[in-house]
Amino acid sequence: MTVLLWAAWLWAGVLALLAVHTAVNRRLLRRPSEQPSPMDTRVAVLLPVRDEAHRVGPCLRSLLDQDGVPGLEILILDDGSTDSTVDVIRRVAAGDPRVRLLTGAPLPPGWLGKPYACHQLAAAVPRDVPVLIFVDADVCWPAQRSPRPSTSSTGSNSSRRTRA
């Protein structure tokens, strides 16, 4: 009976320790602001697509709805789509200067399709754009409506790239 009692106390201690750990983490957890600050850093969103006509429209619309990033550029690489993907992109972009549609090069030996498409997209980004975000066509971003103009980019957790 004493072994069961000790096991019960040990189990209760473990549960209490986990509860305290959870409470501390919840208290210290950083939460994003309800109204994020706009950023003044140039950002390139890179979207590789192939036969994504049914997905690319909502994805592209959600990217175009981001107004807290004045330096936003969206590069889309069509990797040989056989459906109406390119037509959907042109219709949704409707001449928006932030969108640039590229045609993928033939796949070289030793490469797989999506990694090569991402490689081509990264190579097409101007060298002065420090932030690259790769997005899949099935991702829709929530709209960010910024209430004020950007003055600085403080506290950003975005990854920055450097070129050698």
N, C-alpha and C. Protein backbone atom coordinates (compact mmCIF):
# COMPACT_ATOMS: atom_id res chain seq x y z
N MET A 1 0.81 -1.20 0.00
CA MET A 1 0.00 0.00 0.00
C MET A 1 0.86 1.27 0.00
N THR A 2 1.98 1.25 0.65
CA THR A 2 2.82 2.44 0.70
C THR A 2 3.43 2.75 -0.67
N VAL A 3 3.69 1.72 -1.49
CA VAL A 3 4.22 1.96 -2.83
C VAL A 3 3.19 2.69 -3.67
N LEU A 4 1.93 2.29 -3.57
CA LEU A 4 0.87 2.98 -4.30
C LEU A 4 0.70 4.42 -3.82
N LEU A 5 0.81 4.61 -2.53
CA LEU A 5 0.69 5.96 -1.98
C LEU A 5 1.83 6.85 -2.48
N TRP A 6 3.05 6.33 -2.48
CA TRP A 6 4.19 7.09 -2.99
C TRP A 6 4.04 7.38 -4.47
N ALA A 7 3.57 6.43 -5.24
CA ALA A 7 3.35 6.63 -6.68
C ALA A 7 2.31 7.72 -6.91
N ALA A 8 1.25 7.70 -6.10
CA ALA A 8 0.21 8.72 -6.23
C ALA A 8 0.77 10.10 -5.91
N TRP A 9 1.56 10.21 -4.84
CA TRP A 9 2.16 11.49 -4.48
C TRP A 9 3.14 11.96 -5.56
N LEU A 10 3.92 11.03 -6.07
CA LEU A 10 4.86 11.36 -7.15
C LEU A 10 4.11 11.88 -8.37
N TRP A 11 3.04 11.20 -8.75
CA TRP A 11 2.23 11.60 -9.89
C TRP A 11 1.61 12.98 -9.65
N ALA A 12 1.12 13.22 -8.46
CA ALA A 12 0.53 14.52 -8.12
C ALA A 12 1.60 15.62 -8.19
N GLY A 13 2.82 15.30 -7.74
CA GLY A 13 3.91 16.27 -7.82
C GLY A 13 4.28 16.61 -9.25
N VAL A 14 4.33 15.59 -10.11
CA VAL A 14 4.62 15.82 -11.52
C VAL A 14 3.55 16.70 -12.14
N LEU A 15 2.28 16.40 -11.86
CA LEU A 15 1.19 17.21 -12.40
C LEU A 15 1.23 18.64 -11.88
N ALA A 16 1.57 18.82 -10.62
CA ALA A 16 1.67 20.17 -10.06
C ALA A 16 2.82 20.93 -10.72
N LEU A 17 3.94 20.25 -10.92
CA LEU A 17 5.08 20.89 -11.58
C LEU A 17 4.73 21.30 -13.01
N LEU A 18 4.03 20.44 -13.73
CA LEU A 18 3.60 20.78 -15.09
C LEU A 18 2.62 21.95 -15.09
N ALA A 19 1.74 22.00 -14.11
CA ALA A 19 0.79 23.11 -14.03
C ALA A 19 1.51 24.43 -13.76
N VAL A 20 2.51 24.40 -12.88
CA VAL A 20 3.28 25.62 -12.60
C VAL A 20 4.06 26.02 -13.84
N HIS A 21 4.66 25.07 -14.52
CA HIS A 21 5.41 25.35 -15.75
C HIS A 21 4.50 25.99 -16.80
N THR A 22 3.32 25.46 -16.97
CA THR A 22 2.35 26.01 -17.93
C THR A 22 1.95 27.43 -17.55
N ALA A 23 1.71 27.66 -16.28
CA ALA A 23 1.32 29.01 -15.82
C ALA A 23 2.44 30.02 -16.07
N VAL A 24 3.68 29.63 -15.79
CA VAL A 24 4.81 30.53 -16.02
C VAL A 24 4.95 30.83 -17.51
N ASN A 25 4.87 29.79 -18.34
CA ASN A 25 4.97 30.00 -19.79
C ASN A 25 3.86 30.91 -20.30
N ARG A 26 2.66 30.71 -19.82
CA ARG A 26 1.55 31.54 -20.26
C ARG A 26 1.76 33.00 -19.87
N ARG A 27 2.31 33.21 -18.71
CA ARG A 27 2.56 34.58 -18.23
C ARG A 27 3.67 35.25 -19.04
N LEU A 28 4.70 34.50 -19.41
CA LEU A 28 5.85 35.08 -20.08
C LEU A 28 5.73 35.08 -21.60
N LEU A 29 4.75 34.40 -22.14
CA LEU A 29 4.60 34.28 -23.59
C LEU A 29 4.37 35.64 -24.23
N ARG A 30 5.16 35.94 -25.27
CA ARG A 30 4.98 37.20 -26.01
C ARG A 30 3.82 37.01 -26.98
N ARG A 31 2.94 37.95 -27.01
CA ARG A 31 1.79 37.89 -27.90
C ARG A 31 1.89 39.02 -28.93
N PRO A 32 1.54 38.74 -30.19
CA PRO A 32 1.59 39.82 -31.18
C PRO A 32 0.53 40.88 -30.87
N SER A 33 0.82 42.07 -31.28
CA SER A 33 -0.09 43.19 -31.07
C SER A 33 -1.35 43.00 -31.90
N GLU A 34 -2.46 43.50 -31.39
CA GLU A 34 -3.72 43.46 -32.14
C GLU A 34 -3.61 44.30 -33.41
N GLN A 35 -2.90 45.41 -33.34
CA GLN A 35 -2.68 46.29 -34.48
C GLN A 35 -1.18 46.34 -34.75
N PRO A 36 -0.68 45.42 -35.57
CA PRO A 36 0.77 45.42 -35.82
C PRO A 36 1.22 46.71 -36.51
N SER A 37 2.43 47.10 -36.18
CA SER A 37 3.01 48.28 -36.82
C SER A 37 3.38 47.94 -38.25
N PRO A 38 3.20 48.89 -39.15
CA PRO A 38 3.66 48.64 -40.51
C PRO A 38 5.18 48.59 -40.53
N MET A 39 5.72 47.87 -41.50
CA MET A 39 7.18 47.81 -41.58
C MET A 39 7.65 48.63 -42.77
N ASP A 40 8.84 49.19 -42.63
CA ASP A 40 9.39 49.98 -43.72
C ASP A 40 10.47 49.22 -44.47
N THR A 41 10.64 47.96 -44.17
CA THR A 41 11.61 47.12 -44.85
C THR A 41 10.96 46.51 -46.09
N ARG A 42 11.71 46.44 -47.16
CA ARG A 42 11.19 45.81 -48.38
C ARG A 42 11.06 44.30 -48.14
N VAL A 43 9.96 43.76 -48.63
CA VAL A 43 9.65 42.34 -48.45
C VAL A 43 9.26 41.75 -49.79
N ALA A 44 9.82 40.59 -50.10
CA ALA A 44 9.43 39.86 -51.31
C ALA A 44 8.73 38.57 -50.88
N VAL A 45 7.50 38.42 -51.33
CA VAL A 45 6.77 37.17 -51.11
C VAL A 45 6.92 36.35 -52.38
N LEU A 46 7.39 35.12 -52.23
CA LEU A 46 7.71 34.26 -53.36
C LEU A 46 6.73 33.10 -53.40
N LEU A 47 6.03 32.98 -54.53
CA LEU A 47 4.95 32.01 -54.65
C LEU A 47 5.18 31.12 -55.87
N PRO A 48 5.68 29.88 -55.66
CA PRO A 48 5.82 28.95 -56.77
C PRO A 48 4.48 28.26 -57.03
N VAL A 49 4.05 28.20 -58.29
CA VAL A 49 2.77 27.57 -58.59
C VAL A 49 2.89 26.63 -59.80
N ARG A 50 2.10 25.59 -59.77
CA ARG A 50 1.95 24.69 -60.90
C ARG A 50 0.58 24.05 -60.77
N ASP A 51 -0.27 24.31 -61.74
CA ASP A 51 -1.64 23.79 -61.74
C ASP A 51 -2.37 24.09 -60.42
N GLU A 52 -2.38 25.37 -60.05
CA GLU A 52 -2.99 25.82 -58.80
C GLU A 52 -4.16 26.79 -59.06
N ALA A 53 -4.85 26.63 -60.18
CA ALA A 53 -5.90 27.58 -60.56
C ALA A 53 -6.97 27.71 -59.48
N HIS A 54 -7.29 26.64 -58.80
CA HIS A 54 -8.34 26.69 -57.78
C HIS A 54 -7.85 27.24 -56.45
N ARG A 55 -6.54 27.39 -56.26
CA ARG A 55 -6.00 27.88 -54.99
C ARG A 55 -5.35 29.25 -55.06
N VAL A 56 -4.76 29.58 -56.20
CA VAL A 56 -3.91 30.76 -56.27
C VAL A 56 -4.69 32.07 -56.13
N GLY A 57 -5.94 32.11 -56.57
CA GLY A 57 -6.74 33.34 -56.47
C GLY A 57 -6.90 33.82 -55.03
N PRO A 58 -7.45 32.97 -54.13
CA PRO A 58 -7.58 33.41 -52.73
C PRO A 58 -6.24 33.73 -52.07
N CYS A 59 -5.22 32.97 -52.40
CA CYS A 59 -3.89 33.23 -51.83
C CYS A 59 -3.38 34.60 -52.27
N LEU A 60 -3.44 34.87 -53.56
CA LEU A 60 -2.94 36.15 -54.08
C LEU A 60 -3.77 37.32 -53.55
N ARG A 61 -5.08 37.17 -53.48
CA ARG A 61 -5.92 38.24 -52.91
C ARG A 61 -5.51 38.54 -51.47
N SER A 62 -5.25 37.47 -50.69
CA SER A 62 -4.88 37.68 -49.29
C SER A 62 -3.52 38.39 -49.19
N LEU A 63 -2.62 38.10 -50.10
CA LEU A 63 -1.32 38.79 -50.10
C LEU A 63 -1.49 40.26 -50.50
N LEU A 64 -2.33 40.52 -51.46
CA LEU A 64 -2.56 41.90 -51.90
C LEU A 64 -3.29 42.73 -50.84
N ASP A 65 -3.97 42.07 -49.91
CA ASP A 65 -4.67 42.77 -48.83
C ASP A 65 -3.75 43.23 -47.70
N GLN A 66 -2.48 42.92 -47.79
CA GLN A 66 -1.53 43.31 -46.74
C GLN A 66 -1.12 44.76 -46.98
N ASP A 67 -1.65 45.69 -46.19
CA ASP A 67 -1.31 47.09 -46.43
C ASP A 67 -0.34 47.65 -45.40
N GLY A 68 0.15 46.85 -44.49
CA GLY A 68 1.14 47.32 -43.52
C GLY A 68 2.57 47.13 -44.01
N VAL A 69 2.71 46.73 -45.28
CA VAL A 69 4.04 46.49 -45.84
C VAL A 69 4.15 47.29 -47.14
N PRO A 70 4.51 48.57 -47.05
CA PRO A 70 4.55 49.39 -48.25
C PRO A 70 5.58 48.93 -49.28
N GLY A 71 6.62 48.22 -48.86
CA GLY A 71 7.64 47.74 -49.78
C GLY A 71 7.39 46.31 -50.24
N LEU A 72 6.14 45.90 -50.29
CA LEU A 72 5.79 44.53 -50.65
C LEU A 72 5.93 44.29 -52.15
N GLU A 73 6.58 43.20 -52.50
CA GLU A 73 6.67 42.75 -53.88
C GLU A 73 6.30 41.26 -53.88
N ILE A 74 5.42 40.87 -54.78
CA ILE A 74 4.98 39.48 -54.86
C ILE A 74 5.47 38.90 -56.18
N LEU A 75 6.35 37.91 -56.08
CA LEU A 75 6.87 37.24 -57.27
C LEU A 75 6.23 35.87 -57.36
N ILE A 76 5.63 35.59 -58.48
CA ILE A 76 4.96 34.30 -58.71
C ILE A 76 5.66 33.62 -59.87
N LEU A 77 6.07 32.37 -59.67
CA LEU A 77 6.71 31.62 -60.73
C LEU A 77 5.78 30.49 -61.15
N ASP A 78 5.32 30.57 -62.41
CA ASP A 78 4.51 29.49 -62.96
C ASP A 78 5.46 28.43 -63.50
N ASP A 79 5.35 27.24 -62.95
CA ASP A 79 6.26 26.15 -63.28
C ASP A 79 5.60 25.16 -64.24
N GLY A 80 5.12 25.69 -65.38
CA GLY A 80 4.56 24.83 -66.41
C GLY A 80 3.13 24.39 -66.17
N SER A 81 2.30 25.26 -65.64
CA SER A 81 0.90 24.90 -65.40
C SER A 81 0.18 24.55 -66.69
N THR A 82 -0.69 23.56 -66.60
CA THR A 82 -1.50 23.15 -67.76
C THR A 82 -2.96 23.52 -67.58
N ASP A 83 -3.30 24.15 -66.47
CA ASP A 83 -4.66 24.61 -66.25
C ASP A 83 -4.70 26.13 -66.42
N SER A 84 -5.65 26.79 -65.83
CA SER A 84 -5.82 28.24 -66.01
C SER A 84 -5.13 29.06 -64.91
N THR A 85 -4.09 28.52 -64.30
CA THR A 85 -3.39 29.21 -63.21
C THR A 85 -2.93 30.60 -63.62
N VAL A 86 -2.28 30.72 -64.77
CA VAL A 86 -1.75 32.01 -65.21
C VAL A 86 -2.90 33.01 -65.45
N ASP A 87 -4.00 32.56 -66.02
CA ASP A 87 -5.15 33.45 -66.24
C ASP A 87 -5.70 33.96 -64.92
N VAL A 88 -5.79 33.08 -63.93
CA VAL A 88 -6.29 33.49 -62.61
C VAL A 88 -5.36 34.54 -62.00
N ILE A 89 -4.07 34.32 -62.10
CA ILE A 89 -3.09 35.27 -61.54
C ILE A 89 -3.24 36.63 -62.22
N ARG A 90 -3.31 36.63 -63.53
CA ARG A 90 -3.44 37.91 -64.25
C ARG A 90 -4.74 38.62 -63.89
N ARG A 91 -5.82 37.87 -63.74
CA ARG A 91 -7.12 38.47 -63.41
C ARG A 91 -7.09 39.06 -62.00
N VAL A 92 -6.55 38.32 -61.04
CA VAL A 92 -6.52 38.80 -59.65
C VAL A 92 -5.54 39.97 -59.51
N ALA A 93 -4.38 39.87 -60.12
CA ALA A 93 -3.37 40.93 -60.02
C ALA A 93 -3.85 42.19 -60.72
N ALA A 94 -4.56 42.06 -61.82
CA ALA A 94 -5.16 43.18 -62.55
C ALA A 94 -4.20 44.36 -62.70
N GLY A 95 -2.96 44.07 -63.07
CA GLY A 95 -2.00 45.14 -63.30
C GLY A 95 -1.39 45.74 -62.05
N ASP A 96 -1.62 45.15 -60.88
CA ASP A 96 -1.04 45.66 -59.65
C ASP A 96 0.49 45.62 -59.78
N PRO A 97 1.16 46.75 -59.57
CA PRO A 97 2.61 46.79 -59.77
C PRO A 97 3.40 45.97 -58.75
N ARG A 98 2.76 45.55 -57.68
CA ARG A 98 3.46 44.74 -56.68
C ARG A 98 3.62 43.29 -57.12
N VAL A 99 2.88 42.88 -58.17
CA VAL A 99 2.89 41.48 -58.61
C VAL A 99 3.73 41.34 -59.87
N ARG A 100 4.63 40.36 -59.84
CA ARG A 100 5.44 40.05 -61.02
C ARG A 100 5.30 38.55 -61.29
N LEU A 101 4.83 38.21 -62.49
CA LEU A 101 4.64 36.82 -62.89
C LEU A 101 5.83 36.37 -63.74
N LEU A 102 6.47 35.29 -63.31
CA LEU A 102 7.63 34.74 -64.01
C LEU A 102 7.28 33.36 -64.57
N THR A 103 7.96 32.97 -65.63
CA THR A 103 7.79 31.64 -66.21
C THR A 103 9.01 30.82 -65.83
N GLY A 104 8.77 29.62 -65.30
CA GLY A 104 9.86 28.77 -64.85
C GLY A 104 10.68 28.21 -66.00
N ALA A 105 11.96 28.03 -65.76
CA ALA A 105 12.88 27.42 -66.73
C ALA A 105 12.73 25.90 -66.67
N PRO A 106 13.15 25.22 -67.70
CA PRO A 106 13.11 23.75 -67.67
C PRO A 106 13.93 23.20 -66.50
N LEU A 107 13.46 22.10 -65.96
CA LEU A 107 14.09 21.49 -64.80
C LEU A 107 15.43 20.86 -65.18
N PRO A 108 16.53 21.32 -64.56
CA PRO A 108 17.83 20.72 -64.86
C PRO A 108 17.99 19.36 -64.16
N PRO A 109 18.90 18.54 -64.65
CA PRO A 109 19.12 17.23 -64.01
C PRO A 109 19.54 17.40 -62.55
N GLY A 110 19.01 16.54 -61.70
CA GLY A 110 19.36 16.55 -60.28
C GLY A 110 18.49 17.43 -59.41
N TRP A 111 17.61 18.21 -60.01
CA TRP A 111 16.72 19.10 -59.25
C TRP A 111 15.33 18.49 -59.16
N LEU A 112 14.61 18.84 -58.11
CA LEU A 112 13.19 18.54 -58.00
C LEU A 112 12.43 19.83 -58.30
N GLY A 113 11.16 19.70 -58.67
CA GLY A 113 10.38 20.83 -59.16
C GLY A 113 10.27 22.01 -58.22
N LYS A 114 9.72 21.80 -57.02
CA LYS A 114 9.48 22.95 -56.14
C LYS A 114 10.78 23.58 -55.64
N PRO A 115 11.79 22.81 -55.24
CA PRO A 115 13.04 23.49 -54.83
C PRO A 115 13.65 24.32 -55.97
N TYR A 116 13.55 23.83 -57.20
CA TYR A 116 14.10 24.60 -58.31
C TYR A 116 13.27 25.86 -58.57
N ALA A 117 11.95 25.76 -58.43
CA ALA A 117 11.09 26.94 -58.58
C ALA A 117 11.44 27.98 -57.52
N CYS A 118 11.65 27.53 -56.28
CA CYS A 118 12.02 28.46 -55.20
C CYS A 118 13.39 29.08 -55.46
N HIS A 119 14.31 28.29 -55.99
CA HIS A 119 15.64 28.80 -56.34
C HIS A 119 15.52 29.91 -57.39
N GLN A 120 14.70 29.69 -58.42
CA GLN A 120 14.51 30.69 -59.47
C GLN A 120 13.88 31.96 -58.90
N LEU A 121 12.89 31.78 -58.02
CA LEU A 121 12.24 32.94 -57.41
C LEU A 121 13.25 33.76 -56.59
N ALA A 122 14.03 33.09 -55.75
CA ALA A 122 15.01 33.80 -54.92
C ALA A 122 16.02 34.54 -55.79
N ALA A 123 16.41 33.93 -56.90
CA ALA A 123 17.38 34.58 -57.79
C ALA A 123 16.79 35.80 -58.49
N ALA A 124 15.47 35.86 -58.63
CA ALA A 124 14.81 36.97 -59.32
C ALA A 124 14.56 38.18 -58.42
N VAL A 125 14.76 38.02 -57.12
CA VAL A 125 14.51 39.11 -56.18
C VAL A 125 15.68 40.11 -56.25
N PRO A 126 15.37 41.41 -56.30
CA PRO A 126 16.46 42.40 -56.28
C PRO A 126 17.34 42.24 -55.04
N ARG A 127 18.61 42.50 -55.19
CA ARG A 127 19.57 42.28 -54.11
C ARG A 127 19.32 43.15 -52.89
N ASP A 128 18.63 44.27 -53.05
CA ASP A 128 18.41 45.16 -51.91
C ASP A 128 17.16 44.79 -51.10
N VAL A 129 16.49 43.70 -51.44
CA VAL A 129 15.32 43.25 -50.67
C VAL A 129 15.83 42.27 -49.61
N PRO A 130 15.76 42.66 -48.32
CA PRO A 130 16.37 41.83 -47.28
C PRO A 130 15.49 40.70 -46.75
N VAL A 131 14.17 40.76 -47.01
CA VAL A 131 13.28 39.76 -46.43
C VAL A 131 12.59 38.99 -47.55
N LEU A 132 12.74 37.66 -47.52
CA LEU A 132 12.08 36.78 -48.47
C LEU A 132 11.11 35.89 -47.70
N ILE A 133 9.89 35.80 -48.19
CA ILE A 133 8.90 34.92 -47.57
C ILE A 133 8.39 33.97 -48.65
N PHE A 134 8.62 32.68 -48.47
CA PHE A 134 8.13 31.68 -49.40
C PHE A 134 6.75 31.24 -48.93
N VAL A 135 5.79 31.24 -49.87
CA VAL A 135 4.40 30.92 -49.54
C VAL A 135 3.90 29.87 -50.52
N ASP A 136 3.12 28.93 -50.02
CA ASP A 136 2.47 27.95 -50.87
C ASP A 136 1.11 28.51 -51.28
N ALA A 137 0.61 28.08 -52.43
CA ALA A 137 -0.64 28.64 -52.97
C ALA A 137 -1.86 28.28 -52.14
N ASP A 138 -1.76 27.32 -51.25
CA ASP A 138 -2.92 26.98 -50.42
C ASP A 138 -2.96 27.76 -49.10
N VAL A 139 -2.10 28.77 -48.98
CA VAL A 139 -2.05 29.59 -47.77
C VAL A 139 -2.75 30.91 -48.03
N CYS A 140 -3.68 31.27 -47.15
CA CYS A 140 -4.34 32.57 -47.22
C CYS A 140 -4.01 33.34 -45.94
N TRP A 141 -3.46 34.52 -46.11
CA TRP A 141 -3.05 35.34 -44.98
C TRP A 141 -4.21 36.22 -44.53
N PRO A 142 -4.35 36.42 -43.22
CA PRO A 142 -5.39 37.36 -42.77
C PRO A 142 -5.02 38.78 -43.18
N ALA A 143 -6.01 39.56 -43.53
CA ALA A 143 -5.76 40.94 -43.97
C ALA A 143 -5.18 41.75 -42.83
N GLN A 144 -4.16 42.54 -43.12
CA GLN A 144 -3.55 43.44 -42.14
C GLN A 144 -3.85 44.86 -42.57
N ARG A 145 -4.69 45.51 -41.86
CA ARG A 145 -5.03 46.90 -42.14
C ARG A 145 -4.31 47.79 -41.14
N SER A 146 -3.38 48.54 -41.61
CA SER A 146 -2.56 49.38 -40.75
C SER A 146 -3.21 50.74 -40.57
N PRO A 147 -3.37 51.20 -39.32
CA PRO A 147 -4.02 52.49 -39.08
C PRO A 147 -3.10 53.69 -39.22
N ARG A 148 -1.78 53.48 -39.32
CA ARG A 148 -0.87 54.63 -39.36
C ARG A 148 0.31 54.33 -40.28
N PRO A 149 0.96 55.36 -40.80
CA PRO A 149 2.12 55.14 -41.67
C PRO A 149 3.32 54.64 -40.88
N SER A 150 4.22 54.02 -41.57
CA SER A 150 5.41 53.46 -40.94
C SER A 150 6.44 54.55 -40.66
N THR A 151 7.08 54.43 -39.49
CA THR A 151 8.18 55.33 -39.17
C THR A 151 9.46 54.54 -38.92
N SER A 152 9.33 53.31 -38.45
CA SER A 152 10.51 52.47 -38.23
C SER A 152 10.08 51.02 -38.16
N SER A 153 11.05 50.13 -38.27
CA SER A 153 10.75 48.71 -38.16
C SER A 153 11.40 48.18 -36.90
N THR A 154 10.71 48.32 -35.79
CA THR A 154 11.26 47.86 -34.53
C THR A 154 10.58 46.57 -34.12
N GLY A 155 11.35 45.69 -33.51
CA GLY A 155 10.79 44.47 -32.96
C GLY A 155 10.37 43.45 -33.98
N SER A 156 10.87 43.51 -35.18
CA SER A 156 10.47 42.56 -36.20
C SER A 156 11.13 41.21 -35.96
N ASN A 157 10.36 40.13 -36.09
CA ASN A 157 10.90 38.79 -35.96
C ASN A 157 11.11 38.15 -37.32
N SER A 158 10.98 38.89 -38.39
CA SER A 158 11.14 38.31 -39.72
C SER A 158 12.59 37.96 -39.97
N SER A 159 12.80 36.92 -40.76
CA SER A 159 14.18 36.56 -41.07
C SER A 159 14.71 37.49 -42.15
N ARG A 160 15.92 37.82 -42.03
CA ARG A 160 16.57 38.68 -43.01
C ARG A 160 17.61 37.85 -43.74
N ARG A 161 17.81 38.18 -44.98
CA ARG A 161 18.80 37.43 -45.74
C ARG A 161 20.00 38.29 -46.02
N THR A 162 21.09 37.63 -46.18
CA THR A 162 22.30 38.31 -46.61
C THR A 162 22.84 37.56 -47.80
N ARG A 163 23.46 38.27 -48.69
CA ARG A 163 24.07 37.64 -49.85
C ARG A 163 25.57 37.77 -49.74
N ALA A 164 26.23 36.71 -50.13
CA ALA A 164 27.69 36.70 -50.08
C ALA A 164 28.28 37.42 -51.27
